[in-house]
PDB file of N, CA and C in Angstrom:
ATOM      1  N   UNK A   1      86.071  84.146 106.988  1.00  0.00           N
ATOM      2  CA  UNK A   1      85.898  82.768 106.679  1.00  0.00           C
ATOM      3  C   UNK A   1      86.267  82.549 105.170  1.00  0.00           C
ATOM      4  N   UNK A   2      87.037  81.594 104.892  1.00  0.00           N
ATOM      5  CA  UNK A   2      87.443  81.242 103.558  1.00  0.00           C
ATOM      6  C   UNK A   2      86.446  80.191 103.027  1.00  0.00           C
ATOM      7  N   UNK A   3      85.870  80.471 101.839  1.00  0.00           N
ATOM      8  CA  UNK A   3      84.964  79.504 101.247  1.00  0.00           C
ATOM      9  C   UNK A   3      85.624  78.895 100.011  1.00  0.00           C
ATOM     10  N   UNK A   4      85.069  77.811  99.520  1.00  0.00           N
ATOM     11  CA  UNK A   4      85.648  77.205  98.318  1.00  0.00           C
ATOM     12  C   UNK A   4      85.538  78.124  97.154  1.00  0.00           C
ATOM     13  N   UNK A   5      84.528  78.940  97.066  1.00  0.00           N
ATOM     14  CA  UNK A   5      84.396  79.881  95.963  1.00  0.00           C
ATOM     15  C   UNK A   5      85.515  80.926  95.906  1.00  0.00           C
ATOM     16  N   UNK A   6      86.040  81.268  97.070  1.00  0.00           N
ATOM     17  CA  UNK A   6      87.118  82.259  97.104  1.00  0.00           C
ATOM     18  C   UNK A   6      88.425  81.672  96.529  1.00  0.00           C
ATOM     19  N   UNK A   7      88.561  80.402  96.570  1.00  0.00           N
ATOM     20  CA  UNK A   7      89.820  79.769  96.093  1.00  0.00           C
ATOM     21  C   UNK A   7      89.605  79.119  94.722  1.00  0.00           C
ATOM     22  N   UNK A   8      88.432  79.323  94.163  1.00  0.00           N
ATOM     23  CA  UNK A   8      88.119  78.720  92.857  1.00  0.00           C
ATOM     24  C   UNK A   8      88.834  79.411  91.733  1.00  0.00           C
ATOM     25  N   UNK A   9      89.267  78.643  90.768  1.00  0.00           N
ATOM     26  CA  UNK A   9      89.854  79.230  89.567  1.00  0.00           C
ATOM     27  C   UNK A   9      88.913  79.022  88.367  1.00  0.00           C
ATOM     28  N   UNK A  10      87.610  78.825  88.664  1.00  0.00           N
ATOM     29  CA  UNK A  10      86.640  78.644  87.581  1.00  0.00           C
ATOM     30  C   UNK A  10      86.480  79.929  86.791  1.00  0.00           C
ATOM     31  N   UNK A  11      86.770  81.077  87.410  1.00  0.00           N
ATOM     32  CA  UNK A  11      86.678  82.357  86.682  1.00  0.00           C
ATOM     33  C   UNK A  11      87.758  83.259  87.243  1.00  0.00           C
ATOM     34  N   UNK A  12      88.168  84.212  86.429  1.00  0.00           N
ATOM     35  CA  UNK A  12      89.144  85.201  86.836  1.00  0.00           C
ATOM     36  C   UNK A  12      88.452  86.560  87.003  1.00  0.00           C
ATOM     37  N   UNK A  13      87.149  86.582  86.922  1.00  0.00           N
ATOM     38  CA  UNK A  13      86.398  87.842  86.989  1.00  0.00           C
ATOM     39  C   UNK A  13      85.565  87.853  88.285  1.00  0.00           C
ATOM     40  N   UNK A  14      85.774  88.860  89.085  1.00  0.00           N
ATOM     41  CA  UNK A  14      85.068  88.999  90.372  1.00  0.00           C
ATOM     42  C   UNK A  14      84.562  90.409  90.425  1.00  0.00           C
ATOM     43  N   UNK A  15      83.276  90.542  90.673  1.00  0.00           N
ATOM     44  CA  UNK A  15      82.687  91.881  90.739  1.00  0.00           C
ATOM     45  C   UNK A  15      82.982  92.572  92.047  1.00  0.00           C
ATOM     46  N   UNK A  16      83.313  93.838  91.964  1.00  0.00           N
ATOM     47  CA  UNK A  16      83.543  94.673  93.159  1.00  0.00           C
ATOM     48  C   UNK A  16      82.159  94.844  93.846  1.00  0.00           C
ATOM     49  N   UNK A  17      82.110  94.624  95.158  1.00  0.00           N
ATOM     50  CA  UNK A  17      80.845  94.903  95.875  1.00  0.00           C
ATOM     51  C   UNK A  17      80.437  96.368  95.723  1.00  0.00           C
ATOM     52  N   UNK A  18      79.214  96.614  95.357  1.00  0.00           N
ATOM     53  CA  UNK A  18      78.754  97.971  95.101  1.00  0.00           C
ATOM     54  C   UNK A  18      78.967  98.900  96.266  1.00  0.00           C
ATOM     55  N   UNK A  19      78.661  98.466  97.465  1.00  0.00           N
ATOM     56  CA  UNK A  19      78.811  99.311  98.658  1.00  0.00           C
ATOM     57  C   UNK A  19      80.279  99.768  98.814  1.00  0.00           C
ATOM     58  N   UNK A  20      81.185  98.833  98.603  1.00  0.00           N
ATOM     59  CA  UNK A  20      82.606  99.149  98.714  1.00  0.00           C
ATOM     60  C   UNK A  20      83.041 100.150  97.656  1.00  0.00           C
ATOM     61  N   UNK A  21      82.570  99.921  96.394  1.00  0.00           N
ATOM     62  CA  UNK A  21      82.854 100.844  95.330  1.00  0.00           C
ATOM     63  C   UNK A  21      82.334 102.239  95.649  1.00  0.00           C
ATOM     64  N   UNK A  22      81.060 102.298  96.088  1.00  0.00           N
ATOM     65  CA  UNK A  22      80.435 103.578  96.389  1.00  0.00           C
ATOM     66  C   UNK A  22      81.208 104.403  97.412  1.00  0.00           C
ATOM     67  N   UNK A  23      81.790 103.767  98.407  1.00  0.00           N
ATOM     68  CA  UNK A  23      82.584 104.481  99.380  1.00  0.00           C
ATOM     69  C   UNK A  23      83.835 105.120  98.738  1.00  0.00           C
ATOM     70  N   UNK A  24      84.507 104.366  97.910  1.00  0.00           N
ATOM     71  CA  UNK A  24      85.674 104.881  97.227  1.00  0.00           C
ATOM     72  C   UNK A  24      85.276 105.935  96.162  1.00  0.00           C
ATOM     73  N   UNK A  25      84.203 105.726  95.508  1.00  0.00           N
ATOM     74  CA  UNK A  25      83.740 106.671  94.449  1.00  0.00           C
ATOM     75  C   UNK A  25      83.382 107.996  95.063  1.00  0.00           C
ATOM     76  N   UNK A  26      82.835 107.984  96.290  1.00  0.00           N
ATOM     77  CA  UNK A  26      82.531 109.253  96.993  1.00  0.00           C
ATOM     78  C   UNK A  26      83.762 110.097  97.241  1.00  0.00           C
ATOM     79  N   UNK A  27      84.910 109.468  97.311  1.00  0.00           N
ATOM     80  CA  UNK A  27      86.173 110.176  97.530  1.00  0.00           C
ATOM     81  C   UNK A  27      86.845 110.543  96.205  1.00  0.00           C
ATOM     82  N   UNK A  28      86.950 109.586  95.274  1.00  0.00           N
ATOM     83  CA  UNK A  28      87.715 109.749  94.084  1.00  0.00           C
ATOM     84  C   UNK A  28      86.947 110.150  92.827  1.00  0.00           C
ATOM     85  N   UNK A  29      85.625 109.912  92.777  1.00  0.00           N
ATOM     86  CA  UNK A  29      84.793 110.269  91.645  1.00  0.00           C
ATOM     87  C   UNK A  29      85.305 109.659  90.347  1.00  0.00           C
ATOM     88  N   UNK A  30      85.240 108.347  90.283  1.00  0.00           N
ATOM     89  CA  UNK A  30      85.737 107.608  89.147  1.00  0.00           C
ATOM     90  C   UNK A  30      84.943 107.946  87.862  1.00  0.00           C
ATOM     91  N   UNK A  31      85.678 107.948  86.734  1.00  0.00           N
ATOM     92  CA  UNK A  31      85.078 108.302  85.461  1.00  0.00           C
ATOM     93  C   UNK A  31      85.087 107.130  84.459  1.00  0.00           C
ATOM     94  N   UNK A  32      86.001 106.188  84.655  1.00  0.00           N
ATOM     95  CA  UNK A  32      86.201 105.106  83.680  1.00  0.00           C
ATOM     96  C   UNK A  32      86.521 103.820  84.380  1.00  0.00           C
ATOM     97  N   UNK A  33      85.786 102.765  84.085  1.00  0.00           N
ATOM     98  CA  UNK A  33      86.100 101.427  84.588  1.00  0.00           C
ATOM     99  C   UNK A  33      86.869 100.736  83.438  1.00  0.00           C
ATOM    100  N   UNK A  34      88.145 100.473  83.646  1.00  0.00           N
ATOM    101  CA  UNK A  34      88.982 100.026  82.533  1.00  0.00           C
ATOM    102  C   UNK A  34      88.840  98.570  82.145  1.00  0.00           C
ATOM    103  N   UNK A  35      88.244  97.724  83.003  1.00  0.00           N
ATOM    104  CA  UNK A  35      88.052  96.322  82.647  1.00  0.00           C
ATOM    105  C   UNK A  35      86.762  95.824  83.301  1.00  0.00           C
ATOM    106  N   UNK A  36      85.686  95.900  82.556  1.00  0.00           N
ATOM    107  CA  UNK A  36      84.396  95.557  83.114  1.00  0.00           C
ATOM    108  C   UNK A  36      83.572  94.731  82.124  1.00  0.00           C
ATOM    109  N   UNK A  37      82.538  94.183  82.619  1.00  0.00           N
ATOM    110  CA  UNK A  37      81.516  93.583  81.772  1.00  0.00           C
ATOM    111  C   UNK A  37      80.287  94.528  81.846  1.00  0.00           C
ATOM    112  N   UNK A  38      79.455  94.560  80.814  1.00  0.00           N
ATOM    113  CA  UNK A  38      78.313  95.494  80.871  1.00  0.00           C
ATOM    114  C   UNK A  38      77.462  95.305  82.140  1.00  0.00           C
ATOM    115  N   UNK A  39      77.359  94.116  82.600  1.00  0.00           N
ATOM    116  CA  UNK A  39      76.479  93.857  83.779  1.00  0.00           C
ATOM    117  C   UNK A  39      77.132  94.202  85.128  1.00  0.00           C
ATOM    118  N   UNK A  40      78.458  94.506  85.142  1.00  0.00           N
ATOM    119  CA  UNK A  40      79.078  94.860  86.449  1.00  0.00           C
ATOM    120  C   UNK A  40      79.898  96.117  86.371  1.00  0.00           C
ATOM    121  N   UNK A  41      79.806  96.885  85.285  1.00  0.00           N
ATOM    122  CA  UNK A  41      80.563  98.152  85.133  1.00  0.00           C
ATOM    123  C   UNK A  41      80.189  99.109  86.307  1.00  0.00           C
ATOM    124  N   UNK A  42      81.214  99.723  86.860  1.00  0.00           N
ATOM    125  CA  UNK A  42      81.048 100.650  87.967  1.00  0.00           C
ATOM    126  C   UNK A  42      80.949 102.098  87.497  1.00  0.00           C
ATOM    127  N   UNK A  43      81.266 102.367  86.273  1.00  0.00           N
ATOM    128  CA  UNK A  43      81.235 103.742  85.737  1.00  0.00           C
ATOM    129  C   UNK A  43      80.419 103.750  84.456  1.00  0.00           C
ATOM    130  N   UNK A  44      79.906 104.944  84.120  1.00  0.00           N
ATOM    131  CA  UNK A  44      79.163 105.060  82.873  1.00  0.00           C
ATOM    132  C   UNK A  44      80.027 104.767  81.670  1.00  0.00           C
ATOM    133  N   UNK A  45      81.298 105.140  81.748  1.00  0.00           N
ATOM    134  CA  UNK A  45      82.253 104.796  80.698  1.00  0.00           C
ATOM    135  C   UNK A  45      83.054 103.577  81.139  1.00  0.00           C
ATOM    136  N   UNK A  46      83.181 102.553  80.283  1.00  0.00           N
ATOM    137  CA  UNK A  46      83.894 101.336  80.636  1.00  0.00           C
ATOM    138  C   UNK A  46      84.384 100.638  79.416  1.00  0.00           C
ATOM    139  N   UNK A  47      85.435  99.827  79.615  1.00  0.00           N
ATOM    140  CA  UNK A  47      85.952  98.984  78.539  1.00  0.00           C
ATOM    141  C   UNK A  47      85.565  97.546  78.834  1.00  0.00           C
ATOM    142  N   UNK A  48      85.080  96.849  77.835  1.00  0.00           N
ATOM    143  CA  UNK A  48      84.728  95.426  77.966  1.00  0.00           C
ATOM    144  C   UNK A  48      85.911  94.618  77.491  1.00  0.00           C
ATOM    145  N   UNK A  49      85.900  93.311  77.678  1.00  0.00           N
ATOM    146  CA  UNK A  49      86.975  92.466  77.157  1.00  0.00           C
ATOM    147  C   UNK A  49      87.107  92.573  75.635  1.00  0.00           C
ATOM    148  N   UNK A  50      85.964  92.742  74.917  1.00  0.00           N
ATOM    149  CA  UNK A  50      86.052  92.891  73.483  1.00  0.00           C
ATOM    150  C   UNK A  50      86.759  94.177  73.084  1.00  0.00           C
ATOM    151  N   UNK A  51      86.660  95.235  73.934  1.00  0.00           N
ATOM    152  CA  UNK A  51      87.343  96.494  73.638  1.00  0.00           C
ATOM    153  C   UNK A  51      88.815  96.465  74.103  1.00  0.00           C
ATOM    154  N   UNK A  52      89.175  95.453  74.874  1.00  0.00           N
ATOM    155  CA  UNK A  52      90.539  95.262  75.349  1.00  0.00           C
ATOM    156  C   UNK A  52      91.113  96.541  76.063  1.00  0.00           C
ATOM    157  N   UNK A  53      90.725  96.714  77.289  1.00  0.00           N
ATOM    158  CA  UNK A  53      91.175  97.864  78.068  1.00  0.00           C
ATOM    159  C   UNK A  53      92.664  98.048  78.057  1.00  0.00           C
ATOM    160  N   UNK A  54      93.399  96.990  77.941  1.00  0.00           N
ATOM    161  CA  UNK A  54      94.912  97.105  77.940  1.00  0.00           C
ATOM    162  C   UNK A  54      95.377  97.866  76.696  1.00  0.00           C
ATOM    163  N   UNK A  55      94.649  97.799  75.628  1.00  0.00           N
ATOM    164  CA  UNK A  55      95.091  98.519  74.401  1.00  0.00           C
ATOM    165  C   UNK A  55      94.499  99.912  74.251  1.00  0.00           C
ATOM    166  N   UNK A  56      93.674 100.291  75.218  1.00  0.00           N
ATOM    167  CA  UNK A  56      93.011 101.600  75.216  1.00  0.00           C
ATOM    168  C   UNK A  56      93.827 102.618  76.020  1.00  0.00           C
ATOM    169  N   UNK A  57      93.606 103.903  75.729  1.00  0.00           N
ATOM    170  CA  UNK A  57      94.162 104.966  76.535  1.00  0.00           C
ATOM    171  C   UNK A  57      93.267 105.206  77.753  1.00  0.00           C
ATOM    172  N   UNK A  58      93.836 105.210  78.917  1.00  0.00           N
ATOM    173  CA  UNK A  58      93.059 105.422  80.132  1.00  0.00           C
ATOM    174  C   UNK A  58      93.118 106.893  80.482  1.00  0.00           C
ATOM    175  N   UNK A  59      92.001 107.554  80.453  1.00  0.00           N
ATOM    176  CA  UNK A  59      91.909 109.004  80.763  1.00  0.00           C
ATOM    177  C   UNK A  59      91.006 109.249  81.953  1.00  0.00           C
ATOM    178  N   UNK A  60      91.305 110.305  82.648  1.00  0.00           N
ATOM    179  CA  UNK A  60      90.478 110.660  83.817  1.00  0.00           C
ATOM    180  C   UNK A  60      90.802 109.824  84.997  1.00  0.00           C
ATOM    181  N   UNK A  61      89.917 109.764  85.924  1.00  0.00           N
ATOM    182  CA  UNK A  61      90.123 108.987  87.151  1.00  0.00           C
ATOM    183  C   UNK A  61      89.525 107.594  86.886  1.00  0.00           C
ATOM    184  N   UNK A  62      90.385 106.608  86.883  1.00  0.00           N
ATOM    185  CA  UNK A  62      90.036 105.252  86.470  1.00  0.00           C
ATOM    186  C   UNK A  62      89.873 104.320  87.673  1.00  0.00           C
ATOM    187  N   UNK A  63      88.916 103.384  87.508  1.00  0.00           N
ATOM    188  CA  UNK A  63      88.720 102.284  88.441  1.00  0.00           C
ATOM    189  C   UNK A  63      89.149 100.991  87.707  1.00  0.00           C
ATOM    190  N   UNK A  64      89.844 100.130  88.463  1.00  0.00           N
ATOM    191  CA  UNK A  64      90.277  98.854  87.854  1.00  0.00           C
ATOM    192  C   UNK A  64      90.150  97.748  88.847  1.00  0.00           C
ATOM    193  N   UNK A  65      89.316  96.753  88.550  1.00  0.00           N
ATOM    194  CA  UNK A  65      89.217  95.500  89.245  1.00  0.00           C
ATOM    195  C   UNK A  65      89.626  94.465  88.214  1.00  0.00           C
ATOM    196  N   UNK A  66      90.946  94.178  88.132  1.00  0.00           N
ATOM    197  CA  UNK A  66      91.453  93.382  87.010  1.00  0.00           C
ATOM    198  C   UNK A  66      91.072  91.898  87.107  1.00  0.00           C
ATOM    199  N   UNK A  67      91.105  91.220  85.946  1.00  0.00           N
ATOM    200  CA  UNK A  67      90.941  89.767  86.013  1.00  0.00           C
ATOM    201  C   UNK A  67      92.070  89.132  86.840  1.00  0.00           C
ATOM    202  N   UNK A  68      91.735  88.209  87.701  1.00  0.00           N
ATOM    203  CA  UNK A  68      92.675  87.704  88.718  1.00  0.00           C
ATOM    204  C   UNK A  68      93.468  86.474  88.238  1.00  0.00           C
ATOM    205  N   UNK A  69      93.661  86.339  86.940  1.00  0.00           N
ATOM    206  CA  UNK A  69      94.418  85.187  86.420  1.00  0.00           C
ATOM    207  C   UNK A  69      95.834  85.575  86.105  1.00  0.00           C
ATOM    208  N   UNK A  70      96.408  84.876  85.167  1.00  0.00           N
ATOM    209  CA  UNK A  70      97.813  85.101  84.775  1.00  0.00           C
ATOM    210  C   UNK A  70      98.047  86.454  84.147  1.00  0.00           C
ATOM    211  N   UNK A  71      97.019  87.128  83.725  1.00  0.00           N
ATOM    212  CA  UNK A  71      97.138  88.394  83.021  1.00  0.00           C
ATOM    213  C   UNK A  71      97.190  89.584  83.975  1.00  0.00           C
ATOM    214  N   UNK A  72      97.050  89.358  85.271  1.00  0.00           N
ATOM    215  CA  UNK A  72      96.975  90.480  86.233  1.00  0.00           C
ATOM    216  C   UNK A  72      98.212  91.373  86.157  1.00  0.00           C
ATOM    217  N   UNK A  73      99.387  90.825  85.901  1.00  0.00           N
ATOM    218  CA  UNK A  73     100.558  91.626  85.828  1.00  0.00           C
ATOM    219  C   UNK A  73     100.511  92.656  84.699  1.00  0.00           C
ATOM    220  N   UNK A  74      99.916  92.346  83.599  1.00  0.00           N
ATOM    221  CA  UNK A  74      99.757  93.314  82.525  1.00  0.00           C
ATOM    222  C   UNK A  74      98.867  94.484  82.923  1.00  0.00           C
ATOM    223  N   UNK A  75      97.813  94.179  83.664  1.00  0.00           N
ATOM    224  CA  UNK A  75      96.883  95.208  84.127  1.00  0.00           C
ATOM    225  C   UNK A  75      97.574  96.115  85.148  1.00  0.00           C
ATOM    226  N   UNK A  76      98.332  95.536  86.083  1.00  0.00           N
ATOM    227  CA  UNK A  76      99.026  96.351  87.075  1.00  0.00           C
ATOM    228  C   UNK A  76     100.087  97.194  86.425  1.00  0.00           C
ATOM    229  N   UNK A  77     100.785  96.658  85.444  1.00  0.00           N
ATOM    230  CA  UNK A  77     101.816  97.420  84.685  1.00  0.00           C
ATOM    231  C   UNK A  77     101.155  98.619  84.007  1.00  0.00           C
ATOM    232  N   UNK A  78     100.057  98.394  83.350  1.00  0.00           N
ATOM    233  CA  UNK A  78      99.339  99.489  82.630  1.00  0.00           C
ATOM    234  C   UNK A  78      98.888 100.540  83.613  1.00  0.00           C
ATOM    235  N   UNK A  79      98.369 100.130  84.780  1.00  0.00           N
ATOM    236  CA  UNK A  79      97.974 101.116  85.820  1.00  0.00           C
ATOM    237  C   UNK A  79      99.157 101.921  86.302  1.00  0.00           C
ATOM    238  N   UNK A  80     100.286 101.240  86.554  1.00  0.00           N
ATOM    239  CA  UNK A  80     101.487 101.933  86.965  1.00  0.00           C
ATOM    240  C   UNK A  80     101.932 102.951  85.888  1.00  0.00           C
ATOM    241  N   UNK A  81     102.022 102.531  84.668  1.00  0.00           N
ATOM    242  CA  UNK A  81     102.460 103.405  83.589  1.00  0.00           C
ATOM    243  C   UNK A  81     101.507 104.571  83.415  1.00  0.00           C
ATOM    244  N   UNK A  82     100.195 104.349  83.578  1.00  0.00           N
ATOM    245  CA  UNK A  82      99.248 105.439  83.482  1.00  0.00           C
ATOM    246  C   UNK A  82      99.479 106.463  84.598  1.00  0.00           C
ATOM    247  N   UNK A  83      99.734 105.943  85.811  1.00  0.00           N
ATOM    248  CA  UNK A  83      99.977 106.788  86.936  1.00  0.00           C
ATOM    249  C   UNK A  83     101.257 107.632  86.774  1.00  0.00           C
ATOM    250  N   UNK A  84     102.296 107.036  86.243  1.00  0.00           N
ATOM    251  CA  UNK A  84     103.536 107.732  86.002  1.00  0.00           C
ATOM    252  C   UNK A  84     103.322 108.867  85.045  1.00  0.00           C
ATOM    253  N   UNK A  85     102.468 108.721  84.060  1.00  0.00           N
ATOM    254  CA  UNK A  85     102.179 109.786  83.105  1.00  0.00           C
ATOM    255  C   UNK A  85     101.214 110.820  83.635  1.00  0.00           C
ATOM    256  N   UNK A  86     100.781 110.657  84.895  1.00  0.00           N
ATOM    257  CA  UNK A  86      99.933 111.663  85.479  1.00  0.00           C
ATOM    258  C   UNK A  86      98.491 111.298  85.579  1.00  0.00           C
ATOM    259  N   UNK A  87      98.108 110.097  85.131  1.00  0.00           N
ATOM    260  CA  UNK A  87      96.710 109.673  85.193  1.00  0.00           C
ATOM    261  C   UNK A  87      96.328 109.248  86.632  1.00  0.00           C
ATOM    262  N   UNK A  88      95.063 109.257  86.895  1.00  0.00           N
ATOM    263  CA  UNK A  88      94.592 108.821  88.208  1.00  0.00           C
ATOM    264  C   UNK A  88      93.918 107.477  88.091  1.00  0.00           C
ATOM    265  N   UNK A  89      94.158 106.599  89.060  1.00  0.00           N
ATOM    266  CA  UNK A  89      93.511 105.291  89.037  1.00  0.00           C
ATOM    267  C   UNK A  89      93.502 104.716  90.423  1.00  0.00           C
ATOM    268  N   UNK A  90      92.579 103.802  90.629  1.00  0.00           N
ATOM    269  CA  UNK A  90      92.578 102.964  91.852  1.00  0.00           C
ATOM    270  C   UNK A  90      92.380 101.533  91.376  1.00  0.00           C
ATOM    271  N   UNK A  91      93.093 100.610  92.052  1.00  0.00           N
ATOM    272  CA  UNK A  91      93.064  99.211  91.667  1.00  0.00           C
ATOM    273  C   UNK A  91      92.572  98.387  92.849  1.00  0.00           C
ATOM    274  N   UNK A  92      91.904  97.313  92.505  1.00  0.00           N
ATOM    275  CA  UNK A  92      91.466  96.328  93.514  1.00  0.00           C
ATOM    276  C   UNK A  92      92.075  95.018  93.142  1.00  0.00           C
ATOM    277  N   UNK A  93      93.397  94.841  93.373  1.00  0.00           N
ATOM    278  CA  UNK A  93      93.999  93.539  93.025  1.00  0.00           C
ATOM    279  C   UNK A  93      93.640  92.480  94.069  1.00  0.00           C
ATOM    280  N   UNK A  94      93.743  91.260  93.663  1.00  0.00           N
ATOM    281  CA  UNK A  94      93.421  90.114  94.525  1.00  0.00           C
ATOM    282  C   UNK A  94      94.452  90.084  95.675  1.00  0.00           C
ATOM    283  N   UNK A  95      93.945  89.846  96.872  1.00  0.00           N
ATOM    284  CA  UNK A  95      94.809  89.715  98.029  1.00  0.00           C
ATOM    285  C   UNK A  95      94.509  88.355  98.655  1.00  0.00           C
ATOM    286  N   UNK A  96      95.538  87.592  98.876  1.00  0.00           N
ATOM    287  CA  UNK A  96      95.394  86.292  99.476  1.00  0.00           C
ATOM    288  C   UNK A  96      96.233  86.250 100.741  1.00  0.00           C
ATOM    289  N   UNK A  97      95.594  86.479 101.881  1.00  0.00           N
ATOM    290  CA  UNK A  97      96.368  86.569 103.122  1.00  0.00           C
ATOM    291  C   UNK A  97      96.505  85.253 103.830  1.00  0.00           C
ATOM    292  N   UNK A  98      96.030  84.178 103.222  1.00  0.00           N
ATOM    293  CA  UNK A  98      96.129  82.848 103.834  1.00  0.00           C
ATOM    294  C   UNK A  98      97.332  82.065 103.336  1.00  0.00           C
ATOM    295  N   UNK A  99      98.190  82.676 102.533  1.00  0.00           N
ATOM    296  CA  UNK A  99      99.350  82.005 102.061  1.00  0.00           C
ATOM    297  C   UNK A  99      99.115  81.327 100.697  1.00  0.00           C
ATOM    298  N   UNK A 100      97.877  81.380 100.197  1.00  0.00           N
ATOM    299  CA  UNK A 100      97.616  80.743  98.893  1.00  0.00           C
ATOM    300  C   UNK A 100      97.428  81.868  97.879  1.00  0.00           C
ATOM    301  N   UNK A 101      98.432  82.074  97.091  1.00  0.00           N
ATOM    302  CA  UNK A 101      98.343  83.083  96.046  1.00  0.00           C
ATOM    303  C   UNK A 101      98.239  82.394  94.694  1.00  0.00           C
ATOM    304  N   UNK A 102      97.193  82.721  93.986  1.00  0.00           N
ATOM    305  CA  UNK A 102      96.951  82.025  92.717  1.00  0.00           C
ATOM    306  C   UNK A 102      97.460  82.819  91.529  1.00  0.00           C
ATOM    307  N   UNK A 103      98.075  83.986  91.751  1.00  0.00           N
ATOM    308  CA  UNK A 103      98.616  84.783  90.665  1.00  0.00           C
ATOM    309  C   UNK A 103      99.983  84.246  90.276  1.00  0.00           C
ATOM    310  N   UNK A 104     100.175  84.037  88.992  1.00  0.00           N
ATOM    311  CA  UNK A 104     101.473  83.517  88.560  1.00  0.00           C
ATOM    312  C   UNK A 104     102.118  84.509  87.645  1.00  0.00           C
TER     313      UNK A 104
END
């Protein structure tokens, strides 16, 4: 079911459901959440917006639930480049299967 909150652009930050993260973490053992807020960080080590995860070096096995606004491309590029250099990461990009994609 699609709700109005799912299509809202009031915020570009959406917290990963803890149960979902726990299932992935049991497999990958994440070490660093590269874009988090203190109240929703999924790893003990994390970068906040003030620390600007895009300008930081991503080391270890990284988790990324990027901001879903116009900046998402920068986050996906950084994740790709980190992977090419041999880093490990998992991303949770926004998926809109109803034909409404808000990423520009």
